[in-house]
Every structure is written in C-alpha cells, then in structure tokens.
Amino acid sequence: MKISRRNFLRLSVLAICSGPLAAKLGCSIEDMNNEVPASPAVGSIEREISKYLEKNEELAPTFEMYKGIFVVHQGYLDQIQVSVPFSEEEIRDFFREGRYLLSQQQLKFDPAVFKEVMVSITRVIQEKSPENLNNLEKLFEAREFSYDNVQDFLNLFTIYDKPQMEQHIREIGMEERTGLNSELITFVTFSASSIFYNAYMEETAKITDFSLWRRGYCPVCGQTATIAKHRKEDGARILECRLCHAQWYYPRVECPYCENRDFNKLRFFFVEDDRSRQVHVCEVCRSYLKVIDGRAMGKEVNLELEDIATEFLDVLAEREGYQLPDRNLRLLN
C-alpha cells in the first residue's frame, strides 16, 4: 500500500542511526539499539492506532511509521538540552504584545545530535520512498548544514512557514547544488529540527502556560496552526502547532488566520455520520482549519494521529476552494 504524499510529509523523525549511509557520515551506533523498551505512552499510541485501523486498514503503513517515529522521538527528547532565558513575567509580556517567544531568541541546536537525526531521516526516506533517492547524501554536503551555518539555517523555521521555506531554498540555489527538490529538503530539515523545538516548548511550559496567547500562530516558534480540537470537558477550541506541538486556546467564533468575527462568514462542515471531525472555514480569507471534537468523541484526542486519519477532510476542503493558511501570519498581525 502506498503512503500518501501528504501524510508522508507530515511524519517527523524516525531516528535509527544505522546502515551504510550512517557509517559514511560518521554517525556511531555502537551505543544504540534498534529495539526500544515499551513505555506506557507507546502502549497508549499502539491502542489508539489499532482503533483507527479497524476503520481504515489502508492507513496501516502510515501509522506503523508514525509509531516508530513516536518511540524514538520520546527517547531523543531526554538527550536534547535547551534553555529559556526569560522569566515568567517576561514571557507573559511577550504574549500580551503578540510576540512569539523565538522571535526574541535564537534556538541553539547541537550540531552533532542534529546530524545524527538527519542521517536517520534520510535512511527512512530511502527505505520507504518508492522513488530512487540515493542522492539524499548530497544534502549533507550543503553549506547550510556546516557547523558554522546550521544554527542560522534551522532558525529560519521561526521566520518562514513551510511554503516560504521551500521558496527560500529555491532562491538560494540549494536545489541545484544538491540535486534535491525544495519540498524534500524542507521535510528533512523540518523533521530533524522539530524535536529541538518541542524540547524548547516543554521547557517554556515549565515556566508559564499559554493562556494569554490569542493568535493563529504558535506562541513558541511562530508556525501557523493547521489543526485544532474542541476540548472534551468544556468544548473550548484548542489550536496545536505542528512543529513544537504547543497547544493554546482560540475563540471559536473567530477566524484564527484573518481574525474575522462575522459569524455569517464563518461556517463548518463534516462528513455525514461523523460530526466529530470537522472543517472550519472562513469566507473572508478562504482558509480552513481541521477541528476534532473531543466532546462528541467523549475523550481527549491525539491531534497528530487525527491529522493522519483525516486526510479526506483536506481533500474535501480543497475541492470546495479553501486552502491551508500558507501565508506568514506574523506579517499580517
């Protein structure tokens, strides 16, 4: 079964540093095991995945990859050291002013760990892609990933959304220099850096919550939210960042992308017999947001899993003439 292009590009890091590519790049695996001990979190994910597969077995390849990604991602978080140099009051002041945290600080990446993760991602892509991607090794020769340049390049994710990053990669000639397309370069870079951003978000959450934030982009890294949920206990709409996975409240009768509050120009639709999975659309900016109703489901939901399981909603939204918010909202607000 073929993994769809959309879902494949949503997958993050499957970090198993092995094979000839890892050896060529000097990524030692002497202290690493392919078998990762199960944990309660992993067991919970496996149970959730089995429920999805009861309804749609065609998602099995995607979910199997996601499960492996989840296991290793959890292990890597403990190896990544990040610091948040702001006090609680400083962070809350930033939020009141609409400034996301990493617009005030550059995130520091460990080049060695980042290289290891990138090796792992290229290994997975080579194994899973139906196309011949042996030239992925050339990505490591790009000057953007040199020790001196990698920090600045990876911090571009706090400035650019995915389409803008792809455009930037084309403009600086990375496609020509590596022989790889901008979408693939962005995917690898996004995936390898996401665990650093997630670690930074977790450290921020230890200092303060995100209750003051009222924007359609992330309070931590600035990425635009493309999926949300209605919280089980009170129905509040909670947005989630796809890069660092921060979650924050946003009013239901307001477009998170253009701040339209005219309820006559805000609507939602869903597939018959499944009201819990919705598409919220704005007639002003023609953007859409997938929303999963935890109240209707009677449980809290994992939005990463739901994003994979609801690709059909993206197709329906696009057929109706709506699009994901590719614009950089930080420039509009």
Protein backbone atom coordinates (compact mmCIF):
# COMPACT_ATOMS: atom_id res chain seq x y z
CA MET A 1 0.00 0.00 0.00
CA LYS A 2 1.26 3.45 -0.86
CA ILE A 3 1.68 6.12 1.80
CA SER A 4 0.17 9.34 0.53
CA ARG A 5 2.46 12.24 -0.25
CA ARG A 6 0.58 14.49 2.19
CA ASN A 7 0.81 12.11 5.13
CA PHE A 8 4.40 11.14 4.37
CA LEU A 9 5.44 14.77 4.61
CA ARG A 10 3.67 15.10 7.95
CA LEU A 11 5.77 12.41 9.53
CA SER A 12 8.59 13.52 11.78
CA VAL A 13 11.76 11.79 12.92
CA LEU A 14 12.40 8.03 12.83
CA ALA A 15 15.85 8.09 14.32
CA ILE A 16 17.53 4.71 13.90
CA CYS A 17 21.11 5.53 13.04
CA SER A 18 22.16 2.51 11.02
CA GLY A 19 23.23 1.27 7.61
CA PRO A 20 25.92 2.31 5.13
CA LEU A 21 24.80 5.94 4.96
CA ALA A 22 25.27 6.40 8.70
CA ALA A 23 28.69 4.81 8.55
CA LYS A 24 29.72 7.02 5.66
CA LEU A 25 28.71 10.13 7.57
CA GLY A 26 30.45 9.07 10.75
CA CYS A 27 27.36 8.55 12.87
CA SER A 28 28.31 5.99 15.51
CA ILE A 29 25.72 3.41 16.50
CA GLU A 30 27.73 1.39 18.98
CA ASP A 31 25.60 2.51 21.91
CA MET A 32 22.25 2.45 20.14
CA ASN A 33 19.73 -0.37 19.90
CA ASN A 34 17.02 -0.81 17.31
CA GLU A 35 14.75 -2.27 19.97
CA VAL A 36 13.38 0.45 22.23
CA PRO A 37 11.73 -0.64 25.50
CA ALA A 38 7.99 -0.16 25.51
CA SER A 39 6.53 2.52 27.73
CA PRO A 40 3.00 3.40 28.85
CA ALA A 41 2.96 6.23 26.29
CA VAL A 42 3.93 3.86 23.48
CA GLY A 43 1.32 1.35 24.58
CA SER A 44 -1.31 4.07 24.53
CA ILE A 45 -0.35 5.10 21.00
CA GLU A 46 -0.50 1.49 19.82
CA ARG A 47 -4.02 1.10 21.22
CA GLU A 48 -5.16 4.30 19.55
CA ILE A 49 -3.68 3.27 16.22
CA SER A 50 -5.43 -0.10 16.36
CA LYS A 51 -8.77 1.71 16.67
CA TYR A 52 -8.07 3.78 13.57
CA LEU A 53 -7.05 0.69 11.62
CA GLU A 54 -10.30 -1.05 12.47
CA LYS A 55 -12.00 1.63 10.37
CA ASN A 56 -9.40 2.05 7.64
CA GLU A 57 -6.70 -0.58 7.11
CA GLU A 58 -5.19 1.41 4.26
CA LEU A 59 -3.66 3.75 6.84
CA ALA A 60 -1.55 0.92 8.28
CA PRO A 61 1.76 1.86 6.56
CA THR A 62 1.49 5.48 7.68
CA PHE A 63 0.57 4.59 11.25
CA GLU A 64 3.30 1.98 11.51
CA MET A 65 5.84 4.61 10.52
CA TYR A 66 4.32 7.08 12.95
CA LYS A 67 4.56 4.55 15.77
CA GLY A 68 8.28 4.06 15.16
CA ILE A 69 8.76 7.81 14.98
CA PHE A 70 6.93 8.30 18.26
CA VAL A 71 9.07 5.75 20.10
CA VAL A 72 12.39 7.28 19.06
CA HIS A 73 11.15 10.85 19.42
CA GLN A 74 10.42 10.21 23.06
CA GLY A 75 13.93 8.90 23.56
CA TYR A 76 15.60 11.86 21.88
CA LEU A 77 13.84 14.48 23.98
CA ASP A 78 15.89 13.47 27.02
CA GLN A 79 19.13 13.95 25.07
CA ILE A 80 18.42 17.49 23.92
CA GLN A 81 19.40 20.36 26.18
CA VAL A 82 17.74 23.72 25.62
CA SER A 83 17.34 26.79 27.78
CA VAL A 84 14.71 29.51 28.01
CA PRO A 85 16.45 32.69 29.24
CA PHE A 86 13.26 34.56 30.15
CA SER A 87 11.33 34.92 33.38
CA GLU A 88 7.63 34.14 33.64
CA GLU A 89 6.73 37.81 33.57
CA GLU A 90 8.92 38.50 30.55
CA ILE A 91 7.29 35.66 28.63
CA ARG A 92 3.81 36.81 29.57
CA ASP A 93 4.67 40.34 28.44
CA PHE A 94 5.75 38.95 25.07
CA PHE A 95 2.46 37.09 24.80
CA ARG A 96 0.41 40.17 25.67
CA GLU A 97 2.18 42.03 22.87
CA GLY A 98 1.66 39.22 20.36
CA ARG A 99 5.35 38.33 20.16
CA TYR A 100 6.09 34.61 19.97
CA LEU A 101 8.99 33.51 22.12
CA LEU A 102 11.51 32.55 19.46
CA SER A 103 11.15 35.93 17.80
CA GLN A 104 13.12 37.15 20.83
CA GLN A 105 15.79 34.43 20.97
CA GLN A 106 17.55 32.06 18.59
CA LEU A 107 17.15 28.41 19.47
CA LYS A 108 20.50 26.67 19.94
CA PHE A 109 20.96 23.35 18.15
CA ASP A 110 23.53 20.70 19.00
CA PRO A 111 25.13 20.14 15.56
CA ALA A 112 26.17 16.57 16.39
CA VAL A 113 22.70 15.50 17.51
CA PHE A 114 21.09 17.29 14.59
CA LYS A 115 23.42 15.50 12.16
CA GLU A 116 22.55 12.15 13.73
CA VAL A 117 18.84 12.80 13.35
CA MET A 118 19.24 13.92 9.75
CA VAL A 119 21.11 10.73 8.94
CA SER A 120 18.24 8.76 10.43
CA ILE A 121 15.65 10.64 8.41
CA THR A 122 17.46 10.15 5.13
CA ARG A 123 17.75 6.45 5.92
CA VAL A 124 13.99 6.18 6.46
CA ILE A 125 13.17 8.14 3.31
CA GLN A 126 15.43 5.92 1.24
CA GLU A 127 13.77 2.81 2.63
CA LYS A 128 10.16 3.97 2.41
CA SER A 129 10.04 6.05 -0.74
CA PRO A 130 9.00 4.37 -4.00
CA GLU A 131 11.39 6.69 -5.81
CA ASN A 132 15.14 6.36 -6.12
CA LEU A 133 16.53 8.79 -3.55
CA ASN A 134 20.12 7.60 -3.23
CA ASN A 135 21.35 11.13 -3.84
CA LEU A 136 19.97 12.23 -0.46
CA GLU A 137 23.53 12.01 0.81
CA LYS A 138 24.29 15.20 -1.10
CA LEU A 139 22.17 17.13 1.37
CA PHE A 140 24.90 16.78 3.99
CA GLU A 141 27.36 18.49 1.67
CA ALA A 142 25.26 21.67 1.52
CA ARG A 143 26.95 24.63 3.15
CA GLU A 144 23.75 25.42 5.05
CA PHE A 145 24.39 22.37 7.24
CA SER A 146 28.01 23.16 8.02
CA TYR A 147 28.93 23.67 11.67
CA ASP A 148 29.14 27.45 11.21
CA ASN A 149 25.86 27.86 9.30
CA VAL A 150 23.46 25.27 10.70
CA GLN A 151 22.18 27.43 13.58
CA ASP A 152 21.05 30.27 11.35
CA PHE A 153 19.55 27.95 8.75
CA LEU A 154 17.47 25.96 11.23
CA ASN A 155 16.18 29.08 12.93
CA LEU A 156 14.54 30.09 9.65
CA PHE A 157 11.58 27.98 10.81
CA THR A 158 10.79 30.77 13.27
CA ILE A 159 10.50 33.15 10.30
CA TYR A 160 9.12 31.04 7.46
CA ASP A 161 6.19 28.66 7.18
CA LYS A 162 6.71 25.54 5.07
CA PRO A 163 5.87 27.03 1.63
CA GLN A 164 8.05 30.07 2.36
CA MET A 165 10.91 27.79 3.43
CA GLU A 166 10.60 25.89 0.16
CA GLN A 167 10.74 29.16 -1.77
CA HIS A 168 13.78 30.31 0.21
CA ILE A 169 15.57 27.04 -0.56
CA ARG A 170 14.91 27.53 -4.26
CA GLU A 171 16.11 31.13 -4.15
CA ILE A 172 19.45 30.29 -2.51
CA GLY A 173 20.14 27.54 -5.05
CA MET A 174 20.03 24.51 -2.75
CA GLU A 175 18.04 22.51 -5.29
CA GLU A 176 20.74 22.93 -7.94
CA ARG A 177 23.60 22.29 -5.53
CA THR A 178 22.12 19.11 -4.01
CA GLY A 179 20.02 17.76 -6.87
CA LEU A 180 17.06 17.52 -4.45
CA ASN A 181 13.75 19.36 -4.65
CA SER A 182 12.85 22.03 -2.11
CA GLU A 183 9.93 20.07 -0.67
CA LEU A 184 12.16 17.14 0.26
CA ILE A 185 14.87 19.39 1.71
CA THR A 186 12.26 21.21 3.79
CA PHE A 187 10.78 17.93 5.03
CA VAL A 188 14.13 16.58 6.19
CA THR A 189 15.10 19.85 7.85
CA PHE A 190 11.69 20.34 9.46
CA SER A 191 11.68 16.78 10.79
CA ALA A 192 15.19 16.86 12.21
CA SER A 193 14.71 20.23 13.91
CA SER A 194 11.23 19.56 15.30
CA ILE A 195 12.48 17.64 18.33
CA PHE A 196 14.59 20.65 19.36
CA TYR A 197 11.60 22.95 19.05
CA ASN A 198 9.46 20.51 21.01
CA ALA A 199 12.04 20.40 23.80
CA TYR A 200 12.08 24.19 23.91
CA MET A 201 8.29 24.27 24.13
CA GLU A 202 8.35 21.80 27.03
CA GLU A 203 10.86 23.97 28.90
CA THR A 204 8.71 27.06 28.29
CA ALA A 205 5.65 25.25 29.63
CA LYS A 206 7.52 24.64 32.88
CA ILE A 207 7.79 28.42 33.33
CA THR A 208 4.32 29.55 32.27
CA ASP A 209 1.24 28.46 30.35
CA PHE A 210 -0.05 29.88 27.07
CA SER A 211 -3.35 31.25 28.38
CA LEU A 212 -2.55 34.85 27.33
CA TRP A 213 -1.90 33.93 23.70
CA ARG A 214 -4.62 34.79 21.16
CA ARG A 215 -3.08 34.28 17.73
CA GLY A 216 -3.40 31.73 14.93
CA TYR A 217 0.35 31.10 15.03
CA CYS A 218 2.35 29.39 17.74
CA PRO A 219 3.31 31.32 20.90
CA VAL A 220 6.64 29.48 20.99
CA CYS A 221 8.00 29.04 17.46
CA GLY A 222 5.61 31.10 15.32
CA GLN A 223 4.43 28.31 12.99
CA THR A 224 0.83 28.60 11.79
CA ALA A 225 -1.65 26.16 13.35
CA THR A 226 -3.48 23.91 10.88
CA ILE A 227 -5.41 21.62 13.23
CA ALA A 228 -7.35 22.08 16.45
CA LYS A 229 -9.67 20.28 18.85
CA HIS A 230 -12.72 21.02 20.92
CA ARG A 231 -11.68 20.20 24.45
CA LYS A 232 -13.63 17.34 25.97
CA GLU A 233 -14.53 19.00 29.26
CA ASP A 234 -15.75 22.39 28.05
CA GLY A 235 -15.76 22.47 24.24
CA ALA A 236 -13.09 25.20 24.06
CA ARG A 237 -11.20 25.33 20.76
CA ILE A 238 -7.52 24.46 21.24
CA LEU A 239 -5.02 25.02 18.41
CA GLU A 240 -1.86 22.91 18.08
CA CYS A 241 1.47 23.74 16.46
CA ARG A 242 2.75 21.11 14.04
CA LEU A 243 6.41 21.95 14.72
CA CYS A 244 6.79 22.21 18.50
CA HIS A 245 3.30 20.89 19.46
CA ALA A 246 2.36 23.75 21.75
CA GLN A 247 -1.39 23.99 22.40
CA TRP A 248 -3.38 27.15 23.14
CA TYR A 249 -6.94 28.40 23.32
CA TYR A 250 -8.54 30.37 20.49
CA PRO A 251 -12.14 31.71 20.32
CA ARG A 252 -14.49 29.52 18.31
CA VAL A 253 -16.39 32.32 16.57
CA GLU A 254 -13.31 33.92 15.03
CA CYS A 255 -11.00 33.00 12.16
CA PRO A 256 -7.52 32.33 13.57
CA TYR A 257 -5.96 33.46 10.30
CA CYS A 258 -7.61 36.80 9.45
CA GLU A 259 -9.44 37.46 12.77
CA ASN A 260 -12.81 37.68 11.02
CA ARG A 261 -15.56 37.66 13.67
CA ASP A 262 -18.57 37.88 11.36
CA PHE A 263 -20.34 34.61 12.16
CA ASN A 264 -22.22 34.87 8.87
CA LYS A 265 -18.89 34.35 7.10
CA LEU A 266 -17.71 31.54 9.35
CA ARG A 267 -19.04 28.03 8.92
CA PHE A 268 -18.08 24.40 9.22
CA PHE A 269 -18.88 21.14 7.52
CA PHE A 270 -18.31 17.46 8.16
CA VAL A 271 -18.79 14.11 6.52
CA GLU A 272 -22.17 12.52 7.09
CA ASP A 273 -22.35 10.34 10.22
CA ASP A 274 -19.11 11.79 11.65
CA ARG A 275 -19.78 15.16 13.23
CA SER A 276 -16.73 14.83 15.47
CA ARG A 277 -14.33 15.55 12.61
CA GLN A 278 -14.97 18.97 11.13
CA VAL A 279 -13.58 21.53 8.72
CA HIS A 280 -13.95 25.15 9.87
CA VAL A 281 -13.77 27.65 7.01
CA CYS A 282 -13.65 31.42 6.65
CA GLU A 283 -15.33 33.09 3.67
CA VAL A 284 -13.14 36.18 4.07
CA CYS A 285 -9.65 34.67 3.71
CA ARG A 286 -10.81 31.31 2.23
CA SER A 287 -8.68 29.34 4.69
CA TYR A 288 -9.68 26.20 6.53
CA LEU A 289 -8.84 24.56 9.85
CA LYS A 290 -9.45 20.93 10.72
CA VAL A 291 -11.13 20.60 14.13
CA ILE A 292 -11.62 17.39 16.10
CA ASP A 293 -14.49 17.48 18.60
CA GLY A 294 -13.39 15.77 21.80
CA ARG A 295 -16.83 16.24 23.32
CA ALA A 296 -18.53 14.29 20.54
CA MET A 297 -15.88 11.57 20.85
CA GLY A 298 -16.13 11.56 24.62
CA LYS A 299 -12.36 11.62 25.07
CA GLU A 300 -9.24 13.69 24.66
CA VAL A 301 -7.75 13.29 21.21
CA ASN A 302 -4.25 12.95 19.80
CA LEU A 303 -4.13 15.56 17.05
CA GLU A 304 -1.11 14.07 15.32
CA LEU A 305 -2.97 10.80 14.83
CA GLU A 306 -6.13 12.62 13.83
CA ASP A 307 -4.23 14.66 11.26
CA ILE A 308 -3.15 11.43 9.58
CA ALA A 309 -6.61 9.84 9.81
CA THR A 310 -8.46 12.87 8.40
CA GLU A 311 -6.64 13.47 5.13
CA PHE A 312 -10.01 13.10 3.42
CA LEU A 313 -11.06 16.39 5.05
CA ASP A 314 -8.13 18.20 3.43
CA VAL A 315 -9.26 16.86 0.07
CA LEU A 316 -12.85 17.98 0.66
CA ALA A 317 -11.78 21.46 1.77
CA GLU A 318 -9.58 21.94 -1.27
CA ARG A 319 -12.36 20.79 -3.56
CA GLU A 320 -14.57 23.49 -2.05
CA GLY A 321 -11.96 26.13 -2.84
CA TYR A 322 -10.39 26.57 0.61
CA GLN A 323 -6.70 26.28 1.41
CA LEU A 324 -4.38 25.84 4.34
CA PRO A 325 -3.08 29.16 5.66
CA ASP A 326 0.28 29.25 3.87
CA ARG A 327 0.75 32.95 4.50
CA ASN A 328 3.02 34.02 7.31
CA LEU A 329 0.54 35.42 9.80
CA ARG A 330 3.26 37.16 11.78
CA LEU A 331 3.48 39.65 8.92
CA LEU A 332 -0.28 40.26 8.92
CA ASN A 333 -0.91 40.94 12.62
